[in-house]
Amino acid sequence: MAHSILVCGPARSGKSEWAERLAERSGRAVVYVATAREDAEDADWCARIARHRARRPAHWSTQCAPLELERAIARHAGPEACLLVDSLGTWVANLLDLDEPAWEARVADLAKTLRGAAGTVILVAEETGWGVIPAYPLGRLFRDRLGALVRRLAPLCASTYAVMAGHVLDLSQLGQALDGD
């Protein structure tokens, strides 16, 4: 199994910055796997993407995978590579139109791909379930799918970090994994 790492936390917590630091420290060729879709009509979204790009070293390559994350990981996670996937939440949002069987198949494919990756894969995931339950069905679907995805992928990772308020907690060292669902 690949040496995978999960970095999760709320918005603006520093999770992407921590993941970038881990990727840089890996000593491997870094491939940044972006799950966001650019929307020229959304200035705020474009500014967020630009901030992420500006932080990344110029020698990192970038692969856009708003829908086909499994394929991007399979294609680029060779033994000398470090993939930084930012973010699982955006990938989930991009696939909210899938029905439950199709979604479960994609999650199973992602887990299988992660298990078979030869290089390091760093996954960045948002934590959305700490607030109020969304009052609308699509918001609840997003929150529930992302939470379940993170919980399913965490056992496949050698390390799991929570980043909150600019502080990093190593959950693999401090926490205890739950058995089963």
N, C-alpha and C. Protein backbone atom coordinates (compact mmCIF):
# COMPACT_ATOMS: atom_id res chain seq x y z
N MET A 1 0.85 -1.19 0.00
CA MET A 1 0.00 0.00 0.00
C MET A 1 0.88 1.24 0.00
N ALA A 2 0.42 2.26 -0.66
CA ALA A 2 1.13 3.54 -0.72
C ALA A 2 1.18 4.17 0.66
N HIS A 3 2.12 5.05 0.82
CA HIS A 3 2.19 5.85 2.03
C HIS A 3 1.26 7.03 1.82
N SER A 4 0.03 6.88 2.26
CA SER A 4 -0.96 7.93 2.08
C SER A 4 -1.12 8.72 3.37
N ILE A 5 -1.50 9.97 3.21
CA ILE A 5 -1.67 10.88 4.34
C ILE A 5 -2.98 11.62 4.13
N LEU A 6 -3.76 11.75 5.21
CA LEU A 6 -5.01 12.51 5.18
C LEU A 6 -4.83 13.75 6.04
N VAL A 7 -5.17 14.90 5.47
CA VAL A 7 -5.12 16.17 6.19
C VAL A 7 -6.51 16.78 6.12
N CYS A 8 -7.14 16.92 7.29
CA CYS A 8 -8.50 17.47 7.29
C CYS A 8 -8.60 18.64 8.26
N GLY A 9 -9.62 19.45 8.05
CA GLY A 9 -9.84 20.60 8.91
C GLY A 9 -10.86 21.53 8.30
N PRO A 10 -11.27 22.54 9.07
CA PRO A 10 -12.25 23.49 8.58
C PRO A 10 -11.65 24.49 7.59
N ALA A 11 -12.50 25.32 7.03
CA ALA A 11 -12.09 26.34 6.08
C ALA A 11 -11.08 27.29 6.71
N ARG A 12 -10.08 27.65 5.94
CA ARG A 12 -9.05 28.64 6.33
C ARG A 12 -8.25 28.22 7.56
N SER A 13 -8.17 26.93 7.81
CA SER A 13 -7.48 26.44 9.00
C SER A 13 -5.97 26.29 8.79
N GLY A 14 -5.55 26.14 7.52
CA GLY A 14 -4.15 25.89 7.21
C GLY A 14 -3.92 24.48 6.70
N LYS A 15 -4.99 23.73 6.44
CA LYS A 15 -4.83 22.34 6.02
C LYS A 15 -4.08 22.22 4.68
N SER A 16 -4.38 23.07 3.73
CA SER A 16 -3.67 23.00 2.45
C SER A 16 -2.20 23.36 2.63
N GLU A 17 -1.92 24.35 3.46
CA GLU A 17 -0.53 24.74 3.71
C GLU A 17 0.24 23.60 4.38
N TRP A 18 -0.39 22.90 5.33
CA TRP A 18 0.28 21.77 5.98
C TRP A 18 0.52 20.66 4.95
N ALA A 19 -0.47 20.38 4.12
CA ALA A 19 -0.30 19.36 3.08
C ALA A 19 0.83 19.74 2.12
N GLU A 20 0.92 21.00 1.77
CA GLU A 20 1.99 21.46 0.89
C GLU A 20 3.35 21.27 1.56
N ARG A 21 3.42 21.55 2.85
CA ARG A 21 4.68 21.37 3.59
C ARG A 21 5.07 19.89 3.62
N LEU A 22 4.08 19.00 3.84
CA LEU A 22 4.36 17.57 3.83
C LEU A 22 4.85 17.11 2.46
N ALA A 23 4.23 17.63 1.41
CA ALA A 23 4.64 17.27 0.05
C ALA A 23 6.08 17.73 -0.22
N GLU A 24 6.39 18.94 0.18
CA GLU A 24 7.75 19.47 -0.03
C GLU A 24 8.77 18.63 0.73
N ARG A 25 8.43 18.23 1.94
CA ARG A 25 9.34 17.42 2.77
C ARG A 25 9.50 15.99 2.27
N SER A 26 8.62 15.54 1.40
CA SER A 26 8.67 14.15 0.93
C SER A 26 9.93 13.86 0.13
N GLY A 27 10.52 14.90 -0.47
CA GLY A 27 11.70 14.70 -1.29
C GLY A 27 11.39 14.07 -2.64
N ARG A 28 10.13 13.97 -2.97
CA ARG A 28 9.71 13.35 -4.23
C ARG A 28 9.25 14.42 -5.22
N ALA A 29 9.08 14.02 -6.45
CA ALA A 29 8.51 14.92 -7.45
C ALA A 29 7.03 15.10 -7.12
N VAL A 30 6.61 16.35 -6.90
CA VAL A 30 5.24 16.61 -6.45
C VAL A 30 4.33 16.91 -7.65
N VAL A 31 3.19 16.24 -7.63
CA VAL A 31 2.12 16.50 -8.60
C VAL A 31 0.93 16.99 -7.79
N TYR A 32 0.54 18.23 -8.02
CA TYR A 32 -0.62 18.81 -7.36
C TYR A 32 -1.85 18.44 -8.17
N VAL A 33 -2.77 17.70 -7.56
CA VAL A 33 -3.99 17.27 -8.23
C VAL A 33 -5.12 18.18 -7.76
N ALA A 34 -5.53 19.07 -8.64
CA ALA A 34 -6.56 20.07 -8.32
C ALA A 34 -7.93 19.53 -8.71
N THR A 35 -8.85 19.54 -7.75
CA THR A 35 -10.20 19.05 -8.03
C THR A 35 -11.17 20.18 -8.37
N ALA A 36 -10.71 21.43 -8.24
CA ALA A 36 -11.59 22.58 -8.49
C ALA A 36 -11.79 22.80 -9.99
N ARG A 37 -12.96 23.28 -10.30
CA ARG A 37 -13.27 23.75 -11.66
C ARG A 37 -13.19 25.26 -11.63
N GLU A 38 -12.48 25.83 -12.57
CA GLU A 38 -12.41 27.29 -12.62
C GLU A 38 -13.68 27.84 -13.23
N ASP A 39 -14.12 28.96 -12.70
CA ASP A 39 -15.31 29.65 -13.19
C ASP A 39 -14.95 31.12 -13.32
N ALA A 40 -14.70 31.56 -14.54
CA ALA A 40 -14.27 32.93 -14.79
C ALA A 40 -15.26 33.97 -14.29
N GLU A 41 -16.51 33.59 -14.12
CA GLU A 41 -17.52 34.53 -13.65
C GLU A 41 -17.57 34.66 -12.13
N ASP A 42 -16.80 33.84 -11.43
CA ASP A 42 -16.76 33.87 -9.96
C ASP A 42 -15.40 34.40 -9.53
N ALA A 43 -15.32 35.69 -9.32
CA ALA A 43 -14.05 36.34 -9.00
C ALA A 43 -13.45 35.83 -7.69
N ASP A 44 -14.29 35.60 -6.69
CA ASP A 44 -13.78 35.10 -5.41
C ASP A 44 -13.16 33.71 -5.59
N TRP A 45 -13.83 32.84 -6.32
CA TRP A 45 -13.31 31.49 -6.54
C TRP A 45 -11.99 31.55 -7.29
N CYS A 46 -11.91 32.39 -8.31
CA CYS A 46 -10.66 32.55 -9.07
C CYS A 46 -9.54 33.07 -8.18
N ALA A 47 -9.86 33.97 -7.26
CA ALA A 47 -8.85 34.51 -6.34
C ALA A 47 -8.35 33.42 -5.40
N ARG A 48 -9.25 32.56 -4.93
CA ARG A 48 -8.85 31.44 -4.06
C ARG A 48 -7.90 30.49 -4.80
N ILE A 49 -8.24 30.16 -6.02
CA ILE A 49 -7.39 29.28 -6.82
C ILE A 49 -6.04 29.94 -7.05
N ALA A 50 -6.04 31.24 -7.34
CA ALA A 50 -4.79 31.96 -7.57
C ALA A 50 -3.90 31.96 -6.32
N ARG A 51 -4.49 32.11 -5.14
CA ARG A 51 -3.70 32.05 -3.89
C ARG A 51 -3.04 30.69 -3.73
N HIS A 52 -3.77 29.64 -4.02
CA HIS A 52 -3.20 28.30 -3.92
C HIS A 52 -2.05 28.13 -4.92
N ARG A 53 -2.25 28.59 -6.12
CA ARG A 53 -1.20 28.48 -7.15
C ARG A 53 0.05 29.26 -6.74
N ALA A 54 -0.14 30.44 -6.21
CA ALA A 54 1.00 31.30 -5.84
C ALA A 54 1.84 30.68 -4.73
N ARG A 55 1.23 29.89 -3.88
CA ARG A 55 1.97 29.25 -2.78
C ARG A 55 2.80 28.07 -3.24
N ARG A 56 2.42 27.44 -4.33
CA ARG A 56 3.10 26.23 -4.78
C ARG A 56 4.42 26.54 -5.47
N PRO A 57 5.43 25.72 -5.21
CA PRO A 57 6.71 25.89 -5.92
C PRO A 57 6.53 25.71 -7.44
N ALA A 58 7.30 26.44 -8.20
CA ALA A 58 7.19 26.40 -9.66
C ALA A 58 7.52 25.03 -10.24
N HIS A 59 8.35 24.26 -9.55
CA HIS A 59 8.75 22.95 -10.09
C HIS A 59 7.71 21.85 -9.87
N TRP A 60 6.65 22.13 -9.15
CA TRP A 60 5.58 21.15 -9.01
C TRP A 60 4.74 21.15 -10.28
N SER A 61 4.30 19.98 -10.68
CA SER A 61 3.38 19.94 -11.81
C SER A 61 1.95 19.92 -11.28
N THR A 62 1.01 20.30 -12.14
CA THR A 62 -0.39 20.35 -11.74
C THR A 62 -1.22 19.53 -12.71
N GLN A 63 -2.12 18.72 -12.14
CA GLN A 63 -3.08 17.97 -12.93
C GLN A 63 -4.47 18.36 -12.44
N CYS A 64 -5.33 18.72 -13.36
CA CYS A 64 -6.70 19.06 -13.01
C CYS A 64 -7.55 17.79 -13.10
N ALA A 65 -8.26 17.49 -12.01
CA ALA A 65 -9.08 16.28 -11.97
C ALA A 65 -10.37 16.56 -11.21
N PRO A 66 -11.23 17.43 -11.78
CA PRO A 66 -12.47 17.75 -11.08
C PRO A 66 -13.43 16.56 -10.96
N LEU A 67 -13.33 15.60 -11.87
CA LEU A 67 -14.24 14.45 -11.86
C LEU A 67 -13.51 13.11 -11.76
N GLU A 68 -12.43 12.96 -12.46
CA GLU A 68 -11.73 11.67 -12.60
C GLU A 68 -10.53 11.57 -11.65
N LEU A 69 -10.78 11.75 -10.38
CA LEU A 69 -9.71 11.72 -9.38
C LEU A 69 -9.02 10.36 -9.34
N GLU A 70 -9.78 9.30 -9.43
CA GLU A 70 -9.20 7.96 -9.38
C GLU A 70 -8.19 7.77 -10.51
N ARG A 71 -8.53 8.21 -11.69
CA ARG A 71 -7.64 8.07 -12.84
C ARG A 71 -6.38 8.91 -12.67
N ALA A 72 -6.53 10.11 -12.15
CA ALA A 72 -5.36 10.97 -11.94
C ALA A 72 -4.39 10.34 -10.95
N ILE A 73 -4.92 9.77 -9.88
CA ILE A 73 -4.05 9.12 -8.90
C ILE A 73 -3.37 7.91 -9.53
N ALA A 74 -4.13 7.08 -10.21
CA ALA A 74 -3.57 5.88 -10.84
C ALA A 74 -2.48 6.25 -11.86
N ARG A 75 -2.69 7.32 -12.58
CA ARG A 75 -1.78 7.73 -13.64
C ARG A 75 -0.48 8.35 -13.10
N HIS A 76 -0.57 9.06 -11.99
CA HIS A 76 0.58 9.86 -11.55
C HIS A 76 1.24 9.41 -10.25
N ALA A 77 0.67 8.43 -9.55
CA ALA A 77 1.22 8.03 -8.25
C ALA A 77 2.25 6.92 -8.38
N GLY A 78 3.30 7.19 -9.17
CA GLY A 78 4.39 6.24 -9.30
C GLY A 78 5.27 6.25 -8.06
N PRO A 79 6.20 5.31 -7.97
CA PRO A 79 7.01 5.17 -6.76
C PRO A 79 7.85 6.40 -6.40
N GLU A 80 8.16 7.23 -7.35
CA GLU A 80 8.98 8.42 -7.08
C GLU A 80 8.15 9.68 -6.92
N ALA A 81 6.83 9.54 -6.92
CA ALA A 81 5.95 10.71 -6.91
C ALA A 81 5.30 10.94 -5.56
N CYS A 82 4.94 12.18 -5.35
CA CYS A 82 4.10 12.58 -4.22
C CYS A 82 2.94 13.36 -4.81
N LEU A 83 1.74 12.83 -4.68
CA LEU A 83 0.55 13.52 -5.16
C LEU A 83 -0.09 14.26 -4.01
N LEU A 84 -0.46 15.51 -4.24
CA LEU A 84 -1.19 16.29 -3.26
C LEU A 84 -2.57 16.56 -3.86
N VAL A 85 -3.58 15.93 -3.33
CA VAL A 85 -4.95 16.06 -3.82
C VAL A 85 -5.67 17.12 -2.99
N ASP A 86 -6.02 18.22 -3.63
CA ASP A 86 -6.68 19.32 -2.93
C ASP A 86 -7.90 19.76 -3.74
N SER A 87 -9.10 19.36 -3.39
CA SER A 87 -9.50 18.74 -2.16
C SER A 87 -10.59 17.72 -2.40
N LEU A 88 -10.78 16.84 -1.41
CA LEU A 88 -11.84 15.85 -1.51
C LEU A 88 -13.23 16.50 -1.48
N GLY A 89 -13.38 17.56 -0.70
CA GLY A 89 -14.67 18.24 -0.63
C GLY A 89 -15.11 18.80 -1.97
N THR A 90 -14.17 19.36 -2.70
CA THR A 90 -14.51 19.90 -4.01
C THR A 90 -14.87 18.77 -4.97
N TRP A 91 -14.15 17.65 -4.87
CA TRP A 91 -14.46 16.49 -5.71
C TRP A 91 -15.86 15.98 -5.39
N VAL A 92 -16.20 15.88 -4.11
CA VAL A 92 -17.54 15.45 -3.72
C VAL A 92 -18.58 16.40 -4.31
N ALA A 93 -18.36 17.70 -4.18
CA ALA A 93 -19.30 18.70 -4.70
C ALA A 93 -19.49 18.54 -6.21
N ASN A 94 -18.41 18.22 -6.91
CA ASN A 94 -18.49 18.07 -8.36
C ASN A 94 -19.31 16.85 -8.78
N LEU A 95 -19.50 15.90 -7.85
CA LEU A 95 -20.19 14.65 -8.18
C LEU A 95 -21.52 14.49 -7.45
N LEU A 96 -22.07 15.56 -6.94
CA LEU A 96 -23.33 15.46 -6.19
C LEU A 96 -24.50 15.00 -7.04
N ASP A 97 -24.40 15.09 -8.35
CA ASP A 97 -25.49 14.66 -9.21
C ASP A 97 -25.56 13.15 -9.37
N LEU A 98 -24.56 12.41 -8.87
CA LEU A 98 -24.59 10.95 -8.97
C LEU A 98 -25.62 10.37 -8.01
N ASP A 99 -26.31 9.33 -8.46
CA ASP A 99 -27.20 8.63 -7.53
C ASP A 99 -26.35 7.81 -6.56
N GLU A 100 -26.98 7.25 -5.55
CA GLU A 100 -26.22 6.57 -4.49
C GLU A 100 -25.40 5.39 -4.99
N PRO A 101 -25.94 4.50 -5.83
CA PRO A 101 -25.10 3.39 -6.32
C PRO A 101 -23.89 3.87 -7.13
N ALA A 102 -24.09 4.88 -7.97
CA ALA A 102 -22.97 5.40 -8.76
C ALA A 102 -21.93 6.06 -7.85
N TRP A 103 -22.40 6.80 -6.84
CA TRP A 103 -21.48 7.43 -5.90
C TRP A 103 -20.67 6.37 -5.14
N GLU A 104 -21.34 5.34 -4.64
CA GLU A 104 -20.66 4.28 -3.89
C GLU A 104 -19.62 3.58 -4.77
N ALA A 105 -19.92 3.42 -6.05
CA ALA A 105 -18.95 2.80 -6.97
C ALA A 105 -17.72 3.69 -7.12
N ARG A 106 -17.92 4.99 -7.20
CA ARG A 106 -16.79 5.92 -7.32
C ARG A 106 -15.93 5.89 -6.06
N VAL A 107 -16.58 5.85 -4.91
CA VAL A 107 -15.84 5.79 -3.64
C VAL A 107 -15.03 4.50 -3.57
N ALA A 108 -15.64 3.39 -3.96
CA ALA A 108 -14.93 2.11 -3.96
C ALA A 108 -13.74 2.15 -4.91
N ASP A 109 -13.92 2.76 -6.08
CA ASP A 109 -12.81 2.89 -7.04
C ASP A 109 -11.69 3.76 -6.48
N LEU A 110 -12.06 4.84 -5.81
CA LEU A 110 -11.05 5.71 -5.21
C LEU A 110 -10.27 4.96 -4.14
N ALA A 111 -10.95 4.24 -3.28
CA ALA A 111 -10.28 3.47 -2.22
C ALA A 111 -9.34 2.42 -2.82
N LYS A 112 -9.82 1.73 -3.85
CA LYS A 112 -8.99 0.71 -4.52
C LYS A 112 -7.75 1.36 -5.15
N THR A 113 -7.94 2.49 -5.79
CA THR A 113 -6.83 3.19 -6.42
C THR A 113 -5.83 3.66 -5.37
N LEU A 114 -6.32 4.17 -4.27
CA LEU A 114 -5.44 4.63 -3.20
C LEU A 114 -4.63 3.46 -2.65
N ARG A 115 -5.26 2.31 -2.45
CA ARG A 115 -4.55 1.13 -1.96
C ARG A 115 -3.46 0.69 -2.91
N GLY A 116 -3.67 0.87 -4.21
CA GLY A 116 -2.71 0.42 -5.21
C GLY A 116 -1.67 1.44 -5.63
N ALA A 117 -1.76 2.65 -5.11
CA ALA A 117 -0.81 3.70 -5.51
C ALA A 117 0.59 3.35 -5.02
N ALA A 118 1.58 3.56 -5.86
CA ALA A 118 2.96 3.22 -5.51
C ALA A 118 3.67 4.35 -4.78
N GLY A 119 3.24 5.57 -4.98
CA GLY A 119 3.90 6.72 -4.36
C GLY A 119 3.14 7.23 -3.15
N THR A 120 3.54 8.39 -2.71
CA THR A 120 2.86 9.05 -1.59
C THR A 120 1.67 9.83 -2.13
N VAL A 121 0.53 9.70 -1.46
CA VAL A 121 -0.67 10.46 -1.83
C VAL A 121 -1.14 11.21 -0.59
N ILE A 122 -1.17 12.54 -0.68
CA ILE A 122 -1.64 13.38 0.40
C ILE A 122 -3.02 13.88 0.02
N LEU A 123 -4.01 13.57 0.84
CA LEU A 123 -5.40 13.96 0.57
C LEU A 123 -5.80 15.09 1.51
N VAL A 124 -6.31 16.17 0.97
CA VAL A 124 -6.82 17.28 1.77
C VAL A 124 -8.34 17.18 1.76
N ALA A 125 -8.93 17.27 2.97
CA ALA A 125 -10.39 17.16 3.07
C ALA A 125 -10.93 18.19 4.05
N GLU A 126 -12.02 18.78 3.68
CA GLU A 126 -12.70 19.73 4.55
C GLU A 126 -13.49 18.98 5.60
N GLU A 127 -13.60 19.57 6.78
CA GLU A 127 -14.49 19.06 7.83
C GLU A 127 -15.70 19.97 7.86
N THR A 128 -16.85 19.44 7.50
CA THR A 128 -18.05 20.26 7.40
C THR A 128 -19.12 19.91 8.42
N GLY A 129 -18.98 18.83 9.11
CA GLY A 129 -20.06 18.35 9.97
C GLY A 129 -20.08 18.90 11.37
N TRP A 130 -19.28 19.91 11.69
CA TRP A 130 -19.22 20.45 13.05
C TRP A 130 -20.26 21.53 13.28
N GLY A 131 -20.94 21.93 12.23
CA GLY A 131 -21.92 23.00 12.36
C GLY A 131 -23.33 22.48 12.33
N VAL A 132 -24.23 23.36 12.01
CA VAL A 132 -25.64 23.04 11.95
C VAL A 132 -25.90 22.08 10.79
N ILE A 133 -26.88 21.21 10.96
CA ILE A 133 -27.28 20.34 9.85
C ILE A 133 -27.92 21.24 8.79
N PRO A 134 -27.44 21.18 7.54
CA PRO A 134 -28.01 22.05 6.51
C PRO A 134 -29.53 21.86 6.38
N ALA A 135 -30.21 22.95 6.14
CA ALA A 135 -31.68 22.93 6.04
C ALA A 135 -32.16 22.48 4.67
N TYR A 136 -31.26 22.25 3.75
CA TYR A 136 -31.67 21.87 2.40
C TYR A 136 -31.02 20.53 2.02
N PRO A 137 -31.71 19.72 1.22
CA PRO A 137 -31.26 18.35 0.93
C PRO A 137 -29.86 18.27 0.30
N LEU A 138 -29.53 19.14 -0.64
CA LEU A 138 -28.23 19.05 -1.29
C LEU A 138 -27.10 19.34 -0.30
N GLY A 139 -27.31 20.26 0.61
CA GLY A 139 -26.31 20.54 1.65
C GLY A 139 -26.10 19.35 2.57
N ARG A 140 -27.18 18.68 2.94
CA ARG A 140 -27.07 17.49 3.78
C ARG A 140 -26.37 16.36 3.03
N LEU A 141 -26.69 16.20 1.76
CA LEU A 141 -26.05 15.17 0.95
C LEU A 141 -24.54 15.40 0.87
N PHE A 142 -24.15 16.65 0.62
CA PHE A 142 -22.72 16.98 0.55
C PHE A 142 -22.03 16.66 1.87
N ARG A 143 -22.58 17.16 2.94
CA ARG A 143 -21.99 16.97 4.26
C ARG A 143 -21.86 15.49 4.60
N ASP A 144 -22.92 14.73 4.37
CA ASP A 144 -22.90 13.31 4.70
C ASP A 144 -21.94 12.52 3.81
N ARG A 145 -21.92 12.83 2.52
CA ARG A 145 -21.00 12.11 1.62
C ARG A 145 -19.55 12.40 1.96
N LEU A 146 -19.24 13.66 2.21
CA LEU A 146 -17.86 14.01 2.52
C LEU A 146 -17.43 13.37 3.83
N GLY A 147 -18.26 13.45 4.86
CA GLY A 147 -17.92 12.84 6.13
C GLY A 147 -17.69 11.34 6.02
N ALA A 148 -18.57 10.65 5.29
CA ALA A 148 -18.44 9.21 5.10
C ALA A 148 -17.20 8.87 4.28
N LEU A 149 -16.89 9.68 3.27
CA LEU A 149 -15.71 9.45 2.44
C LEU A 149 -14.43 9.57 3.26
N VAL A 150 -14.33 10.62 4.06
CA VAL A 150 -13.14 10.82 4.88
C VAL A 150 -12.98 9.66 5.86
N ARG A 151 -14.08 9.25 6.45
CA ARG A 151 -14.01 8.13 7.40
C ARG A 151 -13.60 6.84 6.70
N ARG A 152 -14.03 6.66 5.48
CA ARG A 152 -13.67 5.43 4.74
C ARG A 152 -12.22 5.44 4.30
N LEU A 153 -11.69 6.61 3.93
CA LEU A 153 -10.31 6.67 3.44
C LEU A 153 -9.28 6.73 4.56
N ALA A 154 -9.65 7.25 5.72
CA ALA A 154 -8.69 7.41 6.82
C ALA A 154 -7.97 6.11 7.18
N PRO A 155 -8.64 4.97 7.27
CA PRO A 155 -7.91 3.74 7.61
C PRO A 155 -6.90 3.31 6.55
N LEU A 156 -7.02 3.83 5.34
CA LEU A 156 -6.08 3.50 4.27
C LEU A 156 -4.82 4.37 4.34
N CYS A 157 -4.82 5.34 5.23
CA CYS A 157 -3.73 6.30 5.31
C CYS A 157 -2.80 5.97 6.48
N ALA A 158 -1.52 6.14 6.25
CA ALA A 158 -0.52 5.89 7.30
C ALA A 158 -0.59 6.96 8.37
N SER A 159 -0.98 8.17 7.98
CA SER A 159 -1.06 9.29 8.92
C SER A 159 -2.32 10.09 8.65
N THR A 160 -2.92 10.59 9.72
CA THR A 160 -4.09 11.46 9.61
C THR A 160 -3.85 12.67 10.50
N TYR A 161 -4.00 13.85 9.91
CA TYR A 161 -3.81 15.10 10.64
C TYR A 161 -5.10 15.90 10.65
N ALA A 162 -5.33 16.60 11.74
CA ALA A 162 -6.39 17.61 11.81
C ALA A 162 -5.68 18.95 11.96
N VAL A 163 -6.10 19.92 11.16
CA VAL A 163 -5.52 21.26 11.23
C VAL A 163 -6.64 22.21 11.62
N MET A 164 -6.45 22.89 12.74
CA MET A 164 -7.45 23.84 13.23
C MET A 164 -6.75 25.07 13.75
N ALA A 165 -7.25 26.23 13.35
CA ALA A 165 -6.73 27.51 13.84
C ALA A 165 -5.22 27.60 13.65
N GLY A 166 -4.72 27.03 12.55
CA GLY A 166 -3.30 27.11 12.26
C GLY A 166 -2.44 26.17 13.08
N HIS A 167 -3.05 25.21 13.77
CA HIS A 167 -2.32 24.23 14.57
C HIS A 167 -2.59 22.83 14.02
N VAL A 168 -1.55 22.01 14.01
CA VAL A 168 -1.64 20.67 13.46
C VAL A 168 -1.68 19.65 14.58
N LEU A 169 -2.65 18.76 14.51
CA LEU A 169 -2.75 17.64 15.44
C LEU A 169 -2.56 16.34 14.67
N ASP A 170 -1.67 15.50 15.13
CA ASP A 170 -1.44 14.20 14.52
C ASP A 170 -2.43 13.21 15.13
N LEU A 171 -3.54 13.00 14.46
CA LEU A 171 -4.58 12.12 14.98
C LEU A 171 -4.13 10.66 15.04
N SER A 172 -3.18 10.29 14.19
CA SER A 172 -2.67 8.92 14.20
C SER A 172 -1.96 8.62 15.51
N GLN A 173 -1.33 9.63 16.09
CA GLN A 173 -0.61 9.47 17.35
C GLN A 173 -1.49 9.74 18.56
N LEU A 174 -2.37 10.73 18.45
CA LEU A 174 -3.17 11.16 19.59
C LEU A 174 -4.49 10.44 19.72
N GLY A 175 -5.00 9.93 18.62
CA GLY A 175 -6.34 9.37 18.62
C GLY A 175 -6.36 7.86 18.56
N GLN A 176 -7.55 7.33 18.59
CA GLN A 176 -7.79 5.90 18.46
C GLN A 176 -8.87 5.72 17.41
N ALA A 177 -8.58 4.88 16.43
CA ALA A 177 -9.55 4.65 15.35
C ALA A 177 -10.72 3.82 15.85
N LEU A 178 -11.92 4.16 15.38
CA LEU A 178 -13.11 3.36 15.68
C LEU A 178 -13.09 2.13 14.79
N ASP A 179 -13.54 1.03 15.29
CA ASP A 179 -13.69 -0.17 14.47
C ASP A 179 -15.05 -0.14 13.81
N GLY A 180 -15.09 -0.45 12.51
CA GLY A 180 -16.36 -0.52 11.78
C GLY A 180 -17.02 0.82 11.61
N ASP A 181 -18.30 0.80 11.24
CA ASP A 181 -19.05 2.03 11.02
C ASP A 181 -19.77 2.39 12.24
